[in-house]
C-alpha atoms as a PDB file:
ATOM      1  CA  UNK A   1      71.482 104.428 129.385  1.00  0.00           C
ATOM      2  CA  UNK A   2      71.357 104.632 133.157  1.00  0.00           C
ATOM      3  CA  UNK A   3      68.432 107.049 132.948  1.00  0.00           C
ATOM      4  CA  UNK A   4      66.489 104.533 130.883  1.00  0.00           C
ATOM      5  CA  UNK A   5      67.319 101.738 133.318  1.00  0.00           C
ATOM      6  CA  UNK A   6      66.413 103.884 136.352  1.00  0.00           C
ATOM      7  CA  UNK A   7      63.112 104.880 134.733  1.00  0.00           C
ATOM      8  CA  UNK A   8      62.543 101.232 133.721  1.00  0.00           C
ATOM      9  CA  UNK A   9      62.167 102.282 130.096  1.00  0.00           C
ATOM     10  CA  UNK A  10      63.251 100.115 127.197  1.00  0.00           C
ATOM     11  CA  UNK A  11      66.223 101.156 125.108  1.00  0.00           C
ATOM     12  CA  UNK A  12      67.381  99.216 122.066  1.00  0.00           C
ATOM     13  CA  UNK A  13      70.921  99.522 120.748  1.00  0.00           C
ATOM     14  CA  UNK A  14      72.654  98.049 117.727  1.00  0.00           C
ATOM     15  CA  UNK A  15      76.421  97.998 117.376  1.00  0.00           C
ATOM     16  CA  UNK A  16      77.413  98.581 113.763  1.00  0.00           C
ATOM     17  CA  UNK A  17      80.659  97.259 112.339  1.00  0.00           C
ATOM     18  CA  UNK A  18      81.965  98.497 109.004  1.00  0.00           C
ATOM     19  CA  UNK A  19      83.727  96.037 106.710  1.00  0.00           C
ATOM     20  CA  UNK A  20      87.295  97.156 106.034  1.00  0.00           C
ATOM     21  CA  UNK A  21      86.285 100.685 106.965  1.00  0.00           C
ATOM     22  CA  UNK A  22      89.539 102.473 106.164  1.00  0.00           C
ATOM     23  CA  UNK A  23      90.132 100.429 103.010  1.00  0.00           C
ATOM     24  CA  UNK A  24      86.794 101.384 101.442  1.00  0.00           C
ATOM     25  CA  UNK A  25      86.779 105.183 101.799  1.00  0.00           C
ATOM     26  CA  UNK A  26      86.370 106.582  98.270  1.00  0.00           C
ATOM     27  CA  UNK A  27      88.981 109.245  97.582  1.00  0.00           C
ATOM     28  CA  UNK A  28      86.491 111.612  95.937  1.00  0.00           C
ATOM     29  CA  UNK A  29      84.325 111.356  99.057  1.00  0.00           C
ATOM     30  CA  UNK A  30      87.358 112.193 101.177  1.00  0.00           C
ATOM     31  CA  UNK A  31      88.128 115.354  99.170  1.00  0.00           C
ATOM     32  CA  UNK A  32      84.460 116.385  99.324  1.00  0.00           C
ATOM     33  CA  UNK A  33      84.267 115.862 103.105  1.00  0.00           C
ATOM     34  CA  UNK A  34      87.509 117.739 103.714  1.00  0.00           C
ATOM     35  CA  UNK A  35      86.208 120.741 101.784  1.00  0.00           C
ATOM     36  CA  UNK A  36      82.774 120.570 103.408  1.00  0.00           C
ATOM     37  CA  UNK A  37      84.443 120.453 106.843  1.00  0.00           C
ATOM     38  CA  UNK A  38      86.221 123.709 106.064  1.00  0.00           C
ATOM     39  CA  UNK A  39      89.727 122.380 105.431  1.00  0.00           C
ATOM     40  CA  UNK A  40      91.746 124.957 103.493  1.00  0.00           C
ATOM     41  CA  UNK A  41      92.164 124.040  99.823  1.00  0.00           C
ATOM     42  CA  UNK A  42      95.963 124.000 100.090  1.00  0.00           C
ATOM     43  CA  UNK A  43      95.724 121.205 102.690  1.00  0.00           C
ATOM     44  CA  UNK A  44      93.199 119.286 100.599  1.00  0.00           C
ATOM     45  CA  UNK A  45      95.702 119.435  97.727  1.00  0.00           C
ATOM     46  CA  UNK A  46      98.550 118.240  99.970  1.00  0.00           C
ATOM     47  CA  UNK A  47      96.527 115.174 100.994  1.00  0.00           C
ATOM     48  CA  UNK A  48      95.437 114.621  97.376  1.00  0.00           C
ATOM     49  CA  UNK A  49      99.071 114.692  96.233  1.00  0.00           C
ATOM     50  CA  UNK A  50      99.973 112.206  98.938  1.00  0.00           C
ATOM     51  CA  UNK A  51      97.212 109.796  97.895  1.00  0.00           C
ATOM     52  CA  UNK A  52      97.162 110.231  94.123  1.00  0.00           C
ATOM     53  CA  UNK A  53     100.753 109.105  93.788  1.00  0.00           C
ATOM     54  CA  UNK A  54     100.286 105.943  95.862  1.00  0.00           C
ATOM     55  CA  UNK A  55     101.314 102.660  94.299  1.00  0.00           C
ATOM     56  CA  UNK A  56     101.793  99.193  95.758  1.00  0.00           C
ATOM     57  CA  UNK A  57     102.736  95.600  95.001  1.00  0.00           C
ATOM     58  CA  UNK A  58     101.414  92.347  96.420  1.00  0.00           C
ATOM     59  CA  UNK A  59     103.992  89.846  97.656  1.00  0.00           C
ATOM     60  CA  UNK A  60     103.293  86.145  98.018  1.00  0.00           C
ATOM     61  CA  UNK A  61     105.223  82.871  98.154  1.00  0.00           C
ATOM     62  CA  UNK A  62     105.766  82.754  94.386  1.00  0.00           C
ATOM     63  CA  UNK A  63     106.881  86.365  93.959  1.00  0.00           C
ATOM     64  CA  UNK A  64     105.225  89.729  93.633  1.00  0.00           C
ATOM     65  CA  UNK A  65     102.819  91.467  91.298  1.00  0.00           C
ATOM     66  CA  UNK A  66     103.599  94.366  89.058  1.00  0.00           C
ATOM     67  CA  UNK A  67     103.256  97.747  90.736  1.00  0.00           C
ATOM     68  CA  UNK A  68      99.732  99.166  90.552  1.00  0.00           C
ATOM     69  CA  UNK A  69      97.933 102.332  91.603  1.00  0.00           C
ATOM     70  CA  UNK A  70      95.751 102.283  94.730  1.00  0.00           C
ATOM     71  CA  UNK A  71      92.601 104.300  94.007  1.00  0.00           C
ATOM     72  CA  UNK A  72      90.440 103.765  97.089  1.00  0.00           C
ATOM     73  CA  UNK A  73      90.979 103.665 100.839  1.00  0.00           C
ATOM     74  CA  UNK A  74      93.195 105.316 103.401  1.00  0.00           C
ATOM     75  CA  UNK A  75      96.835 104.403 104.040  1.00  0.00           C
ATOM     76  CA  UNK A  76      97.460 101.738 106.634  1.00  0.00           C
ATOM     77  CA  UNK A  77      99.313 103.077 109.655  1.00  0.00           C
ATOM     78  CA  UNK A  78      99.243 106.765 108.743  1.00  0.00           C
ATOM     79  CA  UNK A  79      98.862 109.128 111.705  1.00  0.00           C
ATOM     80  CA  UNK A  80      96.542 111.233 109.534  1.00  0.00           C
ATOM     81  CA  UNK A  81      94.024 108.405 108.943  1.00  0.00           C
ATOM     82  CA  UNK A  82      91.926 108.742 112.109  1.00  0.00           C
ATOM     83  CA  UNK A  83      91.337 112.430 111.398  1.00  0.00           C
ATOM     84  CA  UNK A  84      90.480 111.859 107.739  1.00  0.00           C
ATOM     85  CA  UNK A  85      88.156 108.969 108.566  1.00  0.00           C
ATOM     86  CA  UNK A  86      86.458 110.971 111.338  1.00  0.00           C
ATOM     87  CA  UNK A  87      85.862 113.808 108.863  1.00  0.00           C
ATOM     88  CA  UNK A  88      84.162 111.423 106.435  1.00  0.00           C
ATOM     89  CA  UNK A  89      82.040 109.819 109.171  1.00  0.00           C
ATOM     90  CA  UNK A  90      81.046 113.233 110.523  1.00  0.00           C
ATOM     91  CA  UNK A  91      79.723 114.283 107.123  1.00  0.00           C
ATOM     92  CA  UNK A  92      77.891 110.976 106.668  1.00  0.00           C
ATOM     93  CA  UNK A  93      76.263 111.303 110.095  1.00  0.00           C
ATOM     94  CA  UNK A  94      74.964 114.745 109.095  1.00  0.00           C
ATOM     95  CA  UNK A  95      73.185 113.108 106.180  1.00  0.00           C
ATOM     96  CA  UNK A  96      71.536 110.398 108.277  1.00  0.00           C
ATOM     97  CA  UNK A  97      69.769 112.868 110.633  1.00  0.00           C
ATOM     98  CA  UNK A  98      68.777 110.446 113.367  1.00  0.00           C
ATOM     99  CA  UNK A  99      65.414 110.599 115.094  1.00  0.00           C
ATOM    100  CA  UNK A 100      66.623 108.345 117.900  1.00  0.00           C
ATOM    101  CA  UNK A 101      67.776 109.412 121.363  1.00  0.00           C
ATOM    102  CA  UNK A 102      71.374 109.169 120.180  1.00  0.00           C
ATOM    103  CA  UNK A 103      73.986 107.672 117.946  1.00  0.00           C
ATOM    104  CA  UNK A 104      77.514 107.244 119.219  1.00  0.00           C
ATOM    105  CA  UNK A 105      80.565 107.009 117.007  1.00  0.00           C
ATOM    106  CA  UNK A 106      84.195 106.285 117.727  1.00  0.00           C
ATOM    107  CA  UNK A 107      86.600 105.642 114.878  1.00  0.00           C
ATOM    108  CA  UNK A 108      84.833 103.047 112.706  1.00  0.00           C
ATOM    109  CA  UNK A 109      82.346 101.940 115.370  1.00  0.00           C
ATOM    110  CA  UNK A 110      78.742 103.163 115.378  1.00  0.00           C
ATOM    111  CA  UNK A 111      76.141 102.526 118.093  1.00  0.00           C
ATOM    112  CA  UNK A 112      72.523 103.348 117.238  1.00  0.00           C
ATOM    113  CA  UNK A 113      70.053 103.581 120.146  1.00  0.00           C
ATOM    114  CA  UNK A 114      66.304 104.098 120.217  1.00  0.00           C
ATOM    115  CA  UNK A 115      63.253 103.412 122.340  1.00  0.00           C
ATOM    116  CA  UNK A 116      61.798 100.970 119.806  1.00  0.00           C
ATOM    117  CA  UNK A 117      63.126  98.080 117.750  1.00  0.00           C
ATOM    118  CA  UNK A 118      61.443  99.482 114.674  1.00  0.00           C
ATOM    119  CA  UNK A 119      63.232 102.827 115.010  1.00  0.00           C
ATOM    120  CA  UNK A 120      66.591 101.089 115.497  1.00  0.00           C
ATOM    121  CA  UNK A 121      65.940  99.039 112.348  1.00  0.00           C
ATOM    122  CA  UNK A 122      64.971 102.167 110.391  1.00  0.00           C
ATOM    123  CA  UNK A 123      68.064 104.039 111.571  1.00  0.00           C
ATOM    124  CA  UNK A 124      70.309 101.075 110.769  1.00  0.00           C
ATOM    125  CA  UNK A 125      68.795 100.928 107.290  1.00  0.00           C
ATOM    126  CA  UNK A 126      69.420 104.677 106.832  1.00  0.00           C
ATOM    127  CA  UNK A 127      73.046 104.234 107.838  1.00  0.00           C
ATOM    128  CA  UNK A 128      73.428 101.216 105.537  1.00  0.00           C
ATOM    129  CA  UNK A 129      71.981 103.143 102.598  1.00  0.00           C
ATOM    130  CA  UNK A 130      74.213 106.194 103.150  1.00  0.00           C
ATOM    131  CA  UNK A 131      77.352 104.087 103.646  1.00  0.00           C
ATOM    132  CA  UNK A 132      76.758 101.781 100.688  1.00  0.00           C
ATOM    133  CA  UNK A 133      75.998 104.708  98.414  1.00  0.00           C
ATOM    134  CA  UNK A 134      79.550 105.848  99.203  1.00  0.00           C
ATOM    135  CA  UNK A 135      81.168 102.467  98.581  1.00  0.00           C
ATOM    136  CA  UNK A 136      81.379 101.530 102.257  1.00  0.00           C
ATOM    137  CA  UNK A 137      79.697  98.470 103.723  1.00  0.00           C
ATOM    138  CA  UNK A 138      78.061  97.376 106.984  1.00  0.00           C
ATOM    139  CA  UNK A 139      79.311  93.969 108.125  1.00  0.00           C
ATOM    140  CA  UNK A 140      76.127  91.933 108.498  1.00  0.00           C
ATOM    141  CA  UNK A 141      77.903  89.142 110.372  1.00  0.00           C
ATOM    142  CA  UNK A 142      79.417  91.476 113.001  1.00  0.00           C
ATOM    143  CA  UNK A 143      76.520  93.951 113.393  1.00  0.00           C
END
């Protein structure tokens, strides 16, 4: 960014926020991304076993629901989550194939930069398409 400022060149950036990023990761996408990233099958199966047996209840003032299976999303508070989410995002970024100077990612934050507004809009639309095709969603109010 400093190089653009020093050269007095325009640089446009959009900060992308994902709605409930960890809660929306499809499990099948997670298994696919783990395998594509080269994770040994025995470790994929360990994570699958951990997730496929997950059940929860919802508590409120009038009681709690019956137990039900959770079929999408990553566990809240698990030390493994950042690595699993990063693996999914890495595979998705491969699919987008940016033509802009750069895209930066950290956890569930994405920053798309380009020298033109049009290119930023195109890249944002590419990201939105890839994410939504996988059941994830760009927060329009926070992006």
